[in-house]
Amino acid sequence: MTENMQKGDLVWIPQHTRLHWLREDSDKRYLVTDAPRTAVICEEKDRSYDVFFDGNLWTINKAYTYPMGGRSAG
């Protein structure tokens, strides 16, 4: 669920999720999370986010991100 998420929001990334390193003039890389993690959205794209994760900028499919923070009942 990625409704209403935008630059600066903290997102939750489940275990075993693939993130991609997609930068021009650079090797293409990926990593798979070994545990649930959090990241900060830096840029929104059509079907993905660029997120700041472990000191680097990674790309992740929006379908694999969830908003952090609880919603109050009421």
Protein backbone atom coordinates (compact mmCIF):
# COMPACT_ATOMS: atom_id res chain seq x y z
CA MET A 1 0.00 0.00 0.00
CA THR A 2 1.64 3.23 -1.12
CA GLU A 3 -1.27 5.66 -1.07
CA ASN A 4 -0.38 9.28 -0.35
CA MET A 5 3.33 8.63 0.19
CA GLN A 6 5.72 11.35 -0.92
CA LYS A 7 9.27 12.65 -0.71
CA GLY A 8 10.56 12.62 2.86
CA ASP A 9 8.23 9.88 4.10
CA LEU A 10 9.62 6.93 6.02
CA VAL A 11 8.68 3.57 4.46
CA TRP A 12 8.79 0.02 5.76
CA ILE A 13 10.41 -2.59 3.49
CA PRO A 14 9.65 -6.28 4.17
CA GLN A 15 12.27 -9.02 4.46
CA HIS A 16 13.41 -10.60 1.15
CA THR A 17 12.60 -7.46 -0.90
CA ARG A 18 14.81 -6.58 -3.87
CA LEU A 19 16.15 -3.04 -4.26
CA HIS A 20 17.97 -1.91 -7.41
CA TRP A 21 20.87 0.44 -8.04
CA LEU A 22 19.94 2.05 -11.36
CA ARG A 23 22.27 4.96 -12.08
CA GLU A 24 23.59 6.18 -15.41
CA ASP A 25 27.28 5.48 -16.06
CA SER A 26 27.36 2.92 -13.26
CA ASP A 27 27.18 -0.82 -12.84
CA LYS A 28 23.68 -2.12 -12.25
CA ARG A 29 23.39 -3.75 -8.84
CA TYR A 30 20.72 -5.07 -6.53
CA LEU A 31 20.37 -6.19 -2.94
CA VAL A 32 17.81 -8.27 -1.11
CA THR A 33 16.86 -7.31 2.43
CA ASP A 34 17.69 -9.97 5.01
CA ALA A 35 15.27 -8.48 7.55
CA PRO A 36 12.48 -5.88 7.54
CA ARG A 37 14.00 -2.41 7.11
CA THR A 38 13.08 1.25 6.80
CA ALA A 39 14.08 3.85 4.22
CA VAL A 40 13.28 7.47 3.31
CA ILE A 41 11.61 8.35 -0.01
CA CYS A 42 13.81 10.73 -2.03
CA GLU A 43 11.92 10.71 -5.33
CA GLU A 44 8.66 9.27 -6.62
CA LYS A 45 8.46 7.73 -10.08
CA ASP A 46 5.58 6.10 -11.96
CA ARG A 47 5.90 2.61 -10.44
CA SER A 48 8.83 3.00 -8.05
CA TYR A 49 10.52 5.15 -5.43
CA ASP A 50 14.12 6.18 -5.09
CA VAL A 51 14.86 5.65 -1.40
CA PHE A 52 17.77 6.44 0.89
CA PHE A 53 18.74 3.09 2.37
CA ASP A 54 21.98 2.08 4.12
CA GLY A 55 23.77 5.25 3.02
CA ASN A 56 22.92 4.94 -0.68
CA LEU A 57 20.12 5.77 -3.10
CA TRP A 58 18.22 2.66 -4.25
CA THR A 59 15.13 2.08 -6.40
CA ILE A 60 12.26 -0.05 -5.14
CA ASN A 61 8.92 -1.04 -6.63
CA LYS A 62 6.07 0.84 -4.94
CA ALA A 63 4.19 -2.43 -4.37
CA TYR A 64 6.86 -3.51 -1.86
CA THR A 65 6.74 -0.43 0.37
CA TYR A 66 4.43 0.36 3.27
CA PRO A 67 3.93 3.60 5.20
CA MET A 68 5.49 3.88 8.66
CA GLY A 69 3.63 5.26 11.60
CA GLY A 70 0.33 4.37 13.11
CA ARG A 71 -2.98 5.85 12.24
CA SER A 72 -5.16 6.96 15.09
CA ALA A 73 -8.50 5.26 15.43
CA GLY A 74 -11.35 7.66 15.17
